[in-house]
Amino acid sequence: MRRVEVPAELIGGDVEEGYDRIADAFRRNFVERGEIGAACAVYRDGRKVVDLWGGYRDGESRMPWQPDTVVLVFSAAKGMASAAVAVAHSRGLFELDAPVASYWPEFADHGKERVTVRQLLAHQAGLAVLDEKVTLERLADPDSLGPVLASQRPAWQPGSRHGYHAVTLGWYQSELIRRVDPAGRRIGRFFAEEVAAPLDAEFHLGLPDTVEGRRLARIHAFKPAQMLLHLNKMPARMLLSFLNPVGVMSKAMRTLPDLLKEEVVNRRDVLGLEVPSVLGVGEPRGIARVYGSLATGGAELGMRPQTLHALEEAAEAPSGKLRDLVLHMDTSFSLGYVKPFPGFRFGTSSRAYGTPGGGGSFAMADPDTGIGYAYALNRLGFHTPVDPREQALRQALYDVLGGPSQHPWATR
C-alpha cells in the first residue's frame, strides 16, 4: 500500500513519567517509517506504564485507530497459545518430558511414540508441514483435524533438529489441551477462561461474534512476489525457501495458503476460525498484560514456580545443528516461545521469552525486569525476524530501563 500520512493528532495514549522515550519512538514510526496504525503497551511489575495507539485502523477508509481497536497479530498469537499451555502444565495436566502419545494415543502413528511434549513445543517434532490439505472450510469443523495431525509423518527424526512450525504448532497444542483438560476444552476456550478472563486481557484465539466490527483493524499486506524487492530485509536462504514450491518453508506456509492473501485475512469469518498459531486477534495491551503476569510470578493465573522456571531456563537444543530447517537460520525455541538468539536479541537475558508475528508485531516477557511488552501494527513489513519499527520501541524501553542493547549480535 502507498504511504499514508498520519496527522499528529491521531497519536493517542499515555505513558508514566520517565517513559517518554517510548512515546517519542512511537510517534517517529509514523513520521519516518511509514506506519499506518499501531499500538504498544508495557506492564512493569504488574502496573501498566505504557499504553499507546495511533494512526488509522483502516488506511483505505481513514478510520482512526481507537483505544479499543483489536488487531490480528499473526504468529505473535503463539505466545498467547503457549501461555494457555503453560497454565495447563502448572495445573499438573501433563508433564513436559512425557510422550505426547501418553495423552493422545493416536499421535504415536508413524514413529512418533517417543516424541515428548517438550520436543513438540520446541518445534523439534518434524511436524511443520501437513501432507493432507487443510481448507478454511474444513477448519469450521475442528474435530476433523485431530486425525490429520496424528497421522502426519515427521519430516525429520524428532529431537534431532528443529524447524519453525509456523502454522501447525497451535493445532497440536490445542489437541493436547483437549486431551488433558478435564472439561475437554480446545485451546481457544481454555485461553479465554483460564488466561484472558482472570487478567481482564482482551485477546482471542478465534475472534468471537461479540467483538464489534468497528473495532477491528484492517491488515494491509503485500503479495509474496514483492519480497523480491526487499532481498536485503530478510535472510536470503529463508526467502529462497519461501519462493521455492518444494522448499520446507513454502510447504509449511502452504498448509493454509489463503492466509497470505489480504482479502482473506480481513474476512470476519476467517478470523473466527481457531488457528492458534497465526489467527490471534486482540488488544496489544491485553497481550502485554498476559506477559506482564508471567514475568512477575503469574499469581493471578495460579502459576507454579516449576512452570515459570521451565519458561525462563535456556532452551534445550536438538541433538543436531541449531540451523532451523524451515527458516534457514540459527534459532532457539522452548515451550512454544522464541528464546533470545544472536540474530534476535531481546529482553535483559536468556530468561526472556516471546514470539514475533509476521509483518512486524512482537511481544515478550522479561522476568529480570518484570516487563510484559507488546507491539502490533496493521501495515505488514518485510523485515525478518526484527522489524525496525518494533525494535525502535523496544530499544527505547530498554534505554529507559538501563538495560542491554536490543540490536542483533549478527544476522545470518
Protein backbone atom coordinates (compact mmCIF):
# COMPACT_ATOMS: atom_id res chain seq x y z
CA MET A 1 0.00 0.00 0.00
CA ARG A 2 1.23 3.51 -0.75
CA ARG A 3 2.43 5.70 2.08
CA VAL A 4 -0.33 7.17 4.25
CA GLU A 5 0.27 10.44 6.05
CA VAL A 6 -0.91 10.25 9.65
CA PRO A 7 -1.72 13.55 11.43
CA ALA A 8 -0.05 14.05 14.80
CA GLU A 9 -3.42 14.42 16.49
CA LEU A 10 -4.21 10.77 15.69
CA ILE A 11 -1.47 9.57 18.05
CA GLY A 12 -3.04 8.82 21.43
CA GLY A 13 -2.49 7.13 24.74
CA ASP A 14 -0.16 7.92 27.62
CA VAL A 15 2.97 6.83 29.43
CA GLU A 16 4.06 7.11 33.03
CA GLU A 17 6.68 9.67 33.97
CA GLY A 18 10.10 8.53 32.79
CA TYR A 19 8.83 6.55 29.79
CA ASP A 20 8.61 9.46 27.34
CA ARG A 21 11.25 7.91 25.07
CA ILE A 22 8.85 5.16 24.09
CA ALA A 23 6.20 7.71 23.13
CA ASP A 24 8.75 9.65 21.09
CA ALA A 25 9.83 6.49 19.25
CA PHE A 26 6.19 5.57 18.64
CA ARG A 27 5.50 8.95 17.03
CA ARG A 28 8.65 8.72 14.89
CA ASN A 29 7.47 5.43 13.40
CA PHE A 30 4.57 7.29 11.76
CA VAL A 31 6.74 10.14 10.52
CA GLU A 32 9.86 8.25 9.46
CA ARG A 33 8.89 4.62 8.85
CA GLY A 34 5.50 4.82 7.16
CA GLU A 35 3.42 3.36 9.96
CA ILE A 36 -0.34 3.33 9.22
CA GLY A 37 -1.81 2.12 12.51
CA ALA A 38 -0.25 0.55 15.59
CA ALA A 39 -0.37 0.14 19.35
CA CYS A 40 2.23 -0.53 22.03
CA ALA A 41 1.80 -1.41 25.69
CA VAL A 42 4.15 -2.17 28.56
CA TYR A 43 3.43 -3.56 32.01
CA ARG A 44 6.11 -3.35 34.69
CA ASP A 45 5.74 -5.21 37.96
CA GLY A 46 2.06 -5.64 37.21
CA ARG A 47 1.42 -1.95 36.52
CA LYS A 48 0.66 -0.51 33.10
CA VAL A 49 3.32 2.09 32.33
CA VAL A 50 2.92 2.49 28.56
CA ASP A 51 -0.34 2.46 26.61
CA LEU A 52 -0.04 3.99 23.15
CA TRP A 53 -2.10 3.75 19.98
CA GLY A 54 -2.41 5.79 16.84
CA GLY A 55 -2.87 6.19 13.13
CA TYR A 56 -5.59 4.50 11.13
CA ARG A 57 -7.17 1.15 11.88
CA ASP A 58 -8.06 1.21 8.18
CA GLY A 59 -5.66 3.08 5.93
CA GLU A 60 -8.04 2.98 2.97
CA SER A 61 -11.13 4.44 4.63
CA ARG A 62 -9.03 6.57 7.05
CA MET A 63 -10.85 5.25 10.09
CA PRO A 64 -8.75 6.18 13.16
CA TRP A 65 -7.21 3.59 15.46
CA GLN A 66 -9.09 3.80 18.76
CA PRO A 67 -8.15 2.78 22.32
CA ASP A 68 -10.24 -0.39 21.94
CA THR A 69 -9.07 -1.36 18.43
CA VAL A 70 -8.19 -5.04 18.08
CA VAL A 71 -5.71 -6.32 15.53
CA LEU A 72 -4.56 -9.58 14.00
CA VAL A 73 -1.01 -10.30 15.22
CA PHE A 74 -0.23 -13.42 13.16
CA SER A 75 2.44 -15.58 14.88
CA ALA A 76 2.62 -13.35 17.93
CA ALA A 77 -0.52 -15.33 18.81
CA LYS A 78 1.77 -18.29 19.53
CA GLY A 79 2.77 -16.56 22.76
CA MET A 80 -0.82 -16.46 23.96
CA ALA A 81 -1.50 -20.08 22.92
CA SER A 82 1.68 -21.08 24.75
CA ALA A 83 0.52 -19.17 27.84
CA ALA A 84 -2.54 -21.43 27.87
CA VAL A 85 -0.26 -24.48 27.60
CA ALA A 86 1.88 -23.14 30.46
CA VAL A 87 -1.20 -22.70 32.66
CA ALA A 88 -2.27 -26.27 31.86
CA HIS A 89 1.19 -27.52 32.83
CA SER A 90 1.04 -25.52 36.03
CA ARG A 91 -2.24 -27.27 36.86
CA GLY A 92 -0.45 -30.61 36.58
CA LEU A 93 -2.39 -31.69 33.47
CA PHE A 94 0.73 -33.02 31.71
CA GLU A 95 4.49 -33.43 32.13
CA LEU A 96 6.92 -31.85 29.72
CA ASP A 97 9.13 -34.90 29.31
CA ALA A 98 6.28 -37.38 28.92
CA PRO A 99 5.48 -38.69 25.43
CA VAL A 100 2.70 -36.80 23.69
CA ALA A 101 1.19 -40.21 22.89
CA SER A 102 0.67 -40.93 26.59
CA TYR A 103 -2.06 -38.25 26.49
CA TRP A 104 -3.04 -38.63 22.85
CA PRO A 105 -2.54 -42.29 21.81
CA GLU A 106 -3.23 -41.76 18.11
CA PHE A 107 -0.27 -39.35 17.93
CA ALA A 108 2.11 -42.34 18.05
CA ASP A 109 1.46 -43.10 14.37
CA HIS A 110 4.47 -43.11 12.01
CA GLY A 111 7.14 -43.46 14.69
CA LYS A 112 6.09 -40.54 16.88
CA GLU A 113 5.55 -42.64 20.00
CA ARG A 114 8.65 -41.23 21.75
CA VAL A 115 8.13 -37.55 20.87
CA THR A 116 7.88 -35.66 24.16
CA VAL A 117 5.70 -32.67 24.89
CA ARG A 118 8.85 -30.61 25.34
CA GLN A 119 10.12 -31.57 21.88
CA LEU A 120 6.76 -30.83 20.29
CA LEU A 121 6.61 -27.37 21.86
CA ALA A 122 10.23 -26.68 20.82
CA HIS A 123 9.49 -27.20 17.10
CA GLN A 124 11.58 -30.39 17.15
CA ALA A 125 8.89 -32.93 16.21
CA GLY A 126 9.27 -32.51 12.45
CA LEU A 127 5.59 -31.65 12.03
CA ALA A 128 5.85 -28.23 10.37
CA VAL A 129 4.06 -29.49 7.26
CA LEU A 130 0.75 -31.33 6.80
CA ASP A 131 0.62 -33.63 3.78
CA GLU A 132 -3.17 -33.68 3.79
CA LYS A 133 -4.77 -30.50 2.51
CA VAL A 134 -6.45 -28.30 5.12
CA THR A 135 -9.01 -25.82 3.87
CA LEU A 136 -10.66 -22.91 5.61
CA GLU A 137 -13.95 -24.76 5.24
CA ARG A 138 -12.53 -27.80 6.99
CA LEU A 139 -11.43 -25.70 9.95
CA ALA A 140 -15.06 -24.91 10.65
CA ASP A 141 -15.21 -28.50 11.94
CA PRO A 142 -12.17 -28.70 14.27
CA ASP A 143 -12.96 -32.31 15.22
CA SER A 144 -11.90 -33.35 11.72
CA LEU A 145 -8.37 -32.01 12.20
CA GLY A 146 -7.21 -34.29 15.04
CA PRO A 147 -6.82 -37.43 12.89
CA VAL A 148 -4.90 -35.45 10.26
CA LEU A 149 -2.46 -34.16 12.88
CA ALA A 150 -1.99 -37.57 14.46
CA SER A 151 -1.32 -39.35 11.17
CA GLN A 152 1.30 -36.89 9.91
CA ARG A 153 4.74 -38.41 9.23
CA PRO A 154 7.66 -36.34 10.66
CA ALA A 155 9.82 -34.52 8.12
CA TRP A 156 12.94 -35.32 10.17
CA GLN A 157 13.87 -37.53 13.10
CA PRO A 158 12.13 -35.91 16.09
CA GLY A 159 14.59 -34.38 18.53
CA SER A 160 17.46 -34.35 16.04
CA ARG A 161 16.75 -30.94 14.50
CA HIS A 162 14.25 -28.14 14.81
CA GLY A 163 12.23 -26.15 12.29
CA TYR A 164 9.61 -23.47 12.80
CA HIS A 165 6.10 -24.99 12.92
CA ALA A 166 4.62 -21.77 11.57
CA VAL A 167 1.00 -22.86 11.22
CA THR A 168 0.76 -26.33 12.76
CA LEU A 169 2.10 -25.77 16.30
CA GLY A 170 -1.11 -24.22 17.64
CA TRP A 171 -3.23 -27.10 16.35
CA TYR A 172 -1.01 -29.62 18.10
CA GLN A 173 -1.13 -27.52 21.27
CA SER A 174 -4.91 -27.35 21.06
CA GLU A 175 -5.32 -31.09 20.61
CA LEU A 176 -3.00 -31.73 23.57
CA ILE A 177 -5.02 -29.33 25.73
CA ARG A 178 -8.27 -31.01 24.68
CA ARG A 179 -6.88 -34.41 25.65
CA VAL A 180 -5.67 -33.42 29.13
CA ASP A 181 -8.28 -30.84 30.18
CA PRO A 182 -11.00 -32.46 32.34
CA ALA A 183 -13.55 -30.23 30.58
CA GLY A 184 -12.24 -31.23 27.12
CA ARG A 185 -11.80 -27.62 26.05
CA ARG A 186 -9.84 -26.62 22.97
CA ILE A 187 -7.14 -24.03 23.34
CA GLY A 188 -9.28 -21.04 22.31
CA ARG A 189 -11.82 -21.58 25.05
CA PHE A 190 -9.18 -22.69 27.56
CA PHE A 191 -7.22 -19.48 26.95
CA ALA A 192 -10.35 -17.33 27.21
CA GLU A 193 -11.44 -18.84 30.51
CA GLU A 194 -8.14 -19.62 32.22
CA VAL A 195 -5.83 -16.83 30.99
CA ALA A 196 -7.69 -13.87 29.49
CA ALA A 197 -10.58 -13.76 31.97
CA PRO A 198 -8.54 -13.75 35.20
CA LEU A 199 -6.35 -10.96 33.80
CA ASP A 200 -9.16 -8.99 32.11
CA ALA A 201 -6.98 -9.16 28.98
CA GLU A 202 -8.72 -8.91 25.64
CA PHE A 203 -7.21 -11.37 23.22
CA HIS A 204 -8.88 -14.13 21.23
CA LEU A 205 -7.71 -17.35 19.60
CA GLY A 206 -10.71 -17.32 17.29
CA LEU A 207 -12.50 -13.97 17.16
CA PRO A 208 -16.00 -14.18 18.73
CA ASP A 209 -19.07 -12.58 17.19
CA THR A 210 -19.40 -10.34 20.25
CA VAL A 211 -16.47 -8.16 19.11
CA GLU A 212 -17.92 -5.29 17.09
CA GLY A 213 -16.66 -4.85 13.54
CA ARG A 214 -15.91 -1.16 14.12
CA ARG A 215 -13.10 -2.24 16.47
CA LEU A 216 -11.23 -4.44 14.01
CA ALA A 217 -8.08 -3.11 12.32
CA ARG A 218 -7.67 -3.80 8.63
CA ILE A 219 -4.47 -5.62 7.69
CA HIS A 220 -2.53 -4.04 4.81
CA ALA A 221 -0.49 -6.92 3.42
CA PHE A 222 1.76 -7.50 0.43
CA LYS A 223 1.96 -10.06 -2.34
CA PRO A 224 4.66 -12.74 -1.87
CA ALA A 225 6.37 -11.73 -5.12
CA GLN A 226 7.03 -8.30 -3.60
CA MET A 227 9.57 -9.96 -1.31
CA LEU A 228 11.95 -9.97 -4.26
CA LEU A 229 12.10 -6.19 -4.00
CA HIS A 230 13.23 -6.44 -0.37
CA LEU A 231 16.00 -9.03 -0.53
CA ASN A 232 18.12 -7.12 1.98
CA LYS A 233 15.46 -7.25 4.70
CA MET A 234 15.33 -10.99 5.36
CA PRO A 235 17.77 -13.91 5.31
CA ALA A 236 18.38 -14.85 1.68
CA ARG A 237 18.04 -18.61 2.19
CA MET A 238 14.74 -18.10 4.02
CA LEU A 239 13.38 -16.09 1.11
CA LEU A 240 14.55 -18.63 -1.45
CA SER A 241 12.94 -21.45 0.53
CA PHE A 242 9.69 -19.49 0.73
CA LEU A 243 9.63 -18.91 -3.02
CA ASN A 244 10.70 -22.48 -3.84
CA PRO A 245 7.49 -24.55 -4.21
CA VAL A 246 9.25 -27.69 -2.91
CA GLY A 247 11.06 -25.90 -0.06
CA VAL A 248 10.09 -26.80 3.51
CA MET A 249 9.16 -23.21 4.36
CA SER A 250 6.98 -22.91 1.29
CA LYS A 251 5.26 -26.18 2.16
CA ALA A 252 4.78 -25.06 5.78
CA MET A 253 3.19 -21.78 4.72
CA ARG A 254 1.05 -23.53 2.13
CA THR A 255 -0.58 -25.50 4.94
CA LEU A 256 -3.11 -22.68 4.80
CA PRO A 257 -2.08 -20.70 1.71
CA ASP A 258 -5.07 -18.39 1.77
CA LEU A 259 -3.73 -16.73 4.92
CA LEU A 260 -1.17 -14.95 2.77
CA LYS A 261 -3.92 -13.03 0.98
CA GLU A 262 -5.11 -9.64 2.26
CA GLU A 263 -8.65 -10.27 1.11
CA VAL A 264 -8.75 -13.43 3.23
CA VAL A 265 -7.13 -12.31 6.50
CA ASN A 266 -9.55 -9.39 6.68
CA ARG A 267 -12.62 -11.62 6.47
CA ARG A 268 -14.55 -11.78 9.72
CA ASP A 269 -15.47 -15.45 9.25
CA VAL A 270 -11.80 -16.38 8.78
CA LEU A 271 -10.73 -14.54 11.93
CA GLY A 272 -13.33 -16.54 13.82
CA LEU A 273 -11.59 -19.83 13.00
CA GLU A 274 -9.31 -21.46 15.54
CA VAL A 275 -5.82 -21.35 14.04
CA PRO A 276 -3.92 -20.60 17.27
CA SER A 277 -0.51 -20.15 15.67
CA VAL A 278 -1.49 -17.34 13.32
CA LEU A 279 -5.07 -16.08 13.82
CA GLY A 280 -4.91 -14.36 17.21
CA VAL A 281 -6.78 -11.06 17.44
CA GLY A 282 -6.87 -8.64 20.35
CA GLU A 283 -5.67 -5.50 22.05
CA PRO A 284 -1.88 -5.24 22.33
CA ARG A 285 -2.34 -4.14 25.93
CA GLY A 286 -4.06 -7.47 26.54
CA ILE A 287 -1.01 -9.33 25.24
CA ALA A 288 1.29 -7.19 27.38
CA ARG A 289 -0.92 -7.89 30.40
CA VAL A 290 -0.52 -11.66 29.95
CA TYR A 291 3.24 -11.42 29.55
CA GLY A 292 3.43 -8.99 32.45
CA SER A 293 1.72 -11.50 34.72
CA LEU A 294 4.05 -14.31 33.66
CA ALA A 295 7.09 -12.06 34.15
CA THR A 296 6.12 -11.34 37.76
CA GLY A 297 5.16 -14.77 39.06
CA GLY A 298 1.75 -15.33 37.47
CA ALA A 299 -0.15 -15.25 40.78
CA GLU A 300 -3.40 -14.31 39.03
CA LEU A 301 -3.06 -17.45 36.90
CA GLY A 302 -2.03 -19.75 39.74
CA MET A 303 1.36 -20.44 38.15
CA ARG A 304 3.69 -22.87 39.88
CA PRO A 305 7.38 -21.93 40.26
CA GLN A 306 8.33 -25.11 38.37
CA THR A 307 6.47 -23.94 35.28
CA LEU A 308 7.88 -20.42 35.43
CA HIS A 309 11.39 -21.86 35.80
CA ALA A 310 10.81 -24.03 32.71
CA LEU A 311 9.73 -20.96 30.73
CA GLU A 312 12.78 -18.99 31.81
CA GLU A 313 15.54 -21.59 31.56
CA ALA A 314 17.72 -21.86 28.50
CA ALA A 315 16.27 -23.65 25.50
CA GLU A 316 17.12 -27.33 25.19
CA ALA A 317 18.76 -27.58 21.78
CA PRO A 318 18.13 -30.51 19.42
CA SER A 319 20.83 -33.14 19.19
CA GLY A 320 21.83 -31.92 15.73
CA LYS A 321 22.66 -28.46 14.49
CA LEU A 322 20.92 -25.25 15.59
CA ARG A 323 20.12 -24.33 12.00
CA ASP A 324 16.35 -24.10 11.61
CA LEU A 325 15.29 -26.43 8.79
CA VAL A 326 12.35 -24.18 7.90
CA LEU A 327 13.70 -20.65 8.44
CA HIS A 328 17.29 -21.47 7.34
CA MET A 329 18.90 -19.53 10.18
CA ASP A 330 20.00 -20.40 13.71
CA THR A 331 17.03 -20.12 16.07
CA SER A 332 16.10 -21.03 19.64
CA PHE A 333 12.72 -22.33 20.86
CA SER A 334 11.32 -23.51 24.19
CA LEU A 335 7.78 -24.37 25.32
CA GLY A 336 6.18 -22.67 22.34
CA TYR A 337 8.26 -19.50 22.67
CA VAL A 338 11.24 -17.98 20.92
CA LYS A 339 14.22 -17.50 23.20
CA PRO A 340 16.90 -14.85 22.53
CA PHE A 341 19.49 -15.87 19.95
CA PRO A 342 22.25 -13.96 18.11
CA GLY A 343 20.02 -12.82 15.24
CA PHE A 344 17.22 -11.77 17.61
CA ARG A 345 18.33 -10.33 20.91
CA PHE A 346 15.52 -9.18 23.19
CA GLY A 347 14.94 -8.58 26.87
CA THR A 348 17.63 -8.48 29.52
CA SER A 349 18.97 -12.03 29.45
CA SER A 350 18.27 -15.56 28.24
CA ARG A 351 15.41 -15.76 30.75
CA ALA A 352 13.26 -13.66 28.38
CA TYR A 353 10.79 -15.31 26.03
CA GLY A 354 8.29 -14.13 23.43
CA THR A 355 7.02 -14.54 19.89
CA PRO A 356 7.23 -12.31 16.81
CA GLY A 357 4.40 -12.05 14.31
CA GLY A 358 4.67 -11.91 10.54
CA GLY A 359 4.86 -8.34 9.31
CA GLY A 360 6.43 -6.79 12.39
CA SER A 361 4.47 -7.49 15.59
CA PHE A 362 6.34 -8.74 18.67
CA ALA A 363 5.56 -9.38 22.33
CA MET A 364 7.57 -10.80 25.22
CA ALA A 365 8.07 -11.37 28.92
CA ASP A 366 11.27 -10.22 30.64
CA PRO A 367 11.37 -11.72 34.15
CA ASP A 368 14.59 -9.86 35.00
CA THR A 369 12.77 -6.53 34.88
CA GLY A 370 9.17 -7.62 35.48
CA ILE A 371 8.27 -6.43 31.98
CA GLY A 372 5.42 -7.52 29.74
CA TYR A 373 5.71 -5.84 26.35
CA ALA A 374 3.63 -5.91 23.17
CA TYR A 375 3.61 -4.06 19.87
CA ALA A 376 1.25 -4.68 16.95
CA LEU A 377 0.54 -2.95 13.66
CA ASN A 378 -1.58 -3.24 10.55
CA ARG A 379 0.87 -2.41 7.74
CA LEU A 380 2.92 -5.55 7.27
CA GLY A 381 6.65 -5.13 6.71
CA PHE A 382 9.27 -7.35 5.12
CA HIS A 383 11.98 -7.47 7.81
CA THR A 384 12.62 -10.85 9.44
CA PRO A 385 13.00 -11.57 12.27
CA VAL A 386 13.32 -7.98 13.60
CA ASP A 387 11.23 -5.12 12.24
CA PRO A 388 12.89 -1.68 12.71
CA ARG A 389 9.59 -0.13 13.85
CA GLU A 390 9.24 -2.62 16.68
CA GLN A 391 12.94 -2.61 17.53
CA ALA A 392 12.93 1.18 17.89
CA LEU A 393 10.22 0.96 20.54
CA ARG A 394 11.85 -1.91 22.41
CA GLN A 395 15.23 -0.16 22.34
CA ALA A 396 13.63 2.99 23.73
CA LEU A 397 12.12 0.91 26.53
CA TYR A 398 15.48 -0.60 27.46
CA ASP A 399 17.15 2.79 27.27
CA VAL A 400 14.69 3.82 29.98
CA LEU A 401 15.35 0.65 31.97
CA GLY A 402 19.12 0.96 31.61
CA GLY A 403 19.16 -2.46 30.01
CA PRO A 404 21.20 -4.02 27.21
CA SER A 405 21.10 -3.21 23.52
CA GLN A 406 18.21 -4.79 21.66
CA HIS A 407 20.12 -4.93 18.39
CA PRO A 408 21.06 -8.35 17.00
CA TRP A 409 24.57 -9.60 17.52
CA ALA A 410 24.50 -10.86 13.96
CA THR A 411 22.04 -11.64 11.20
CA ARG A 412 22.55 -14.83 9.22
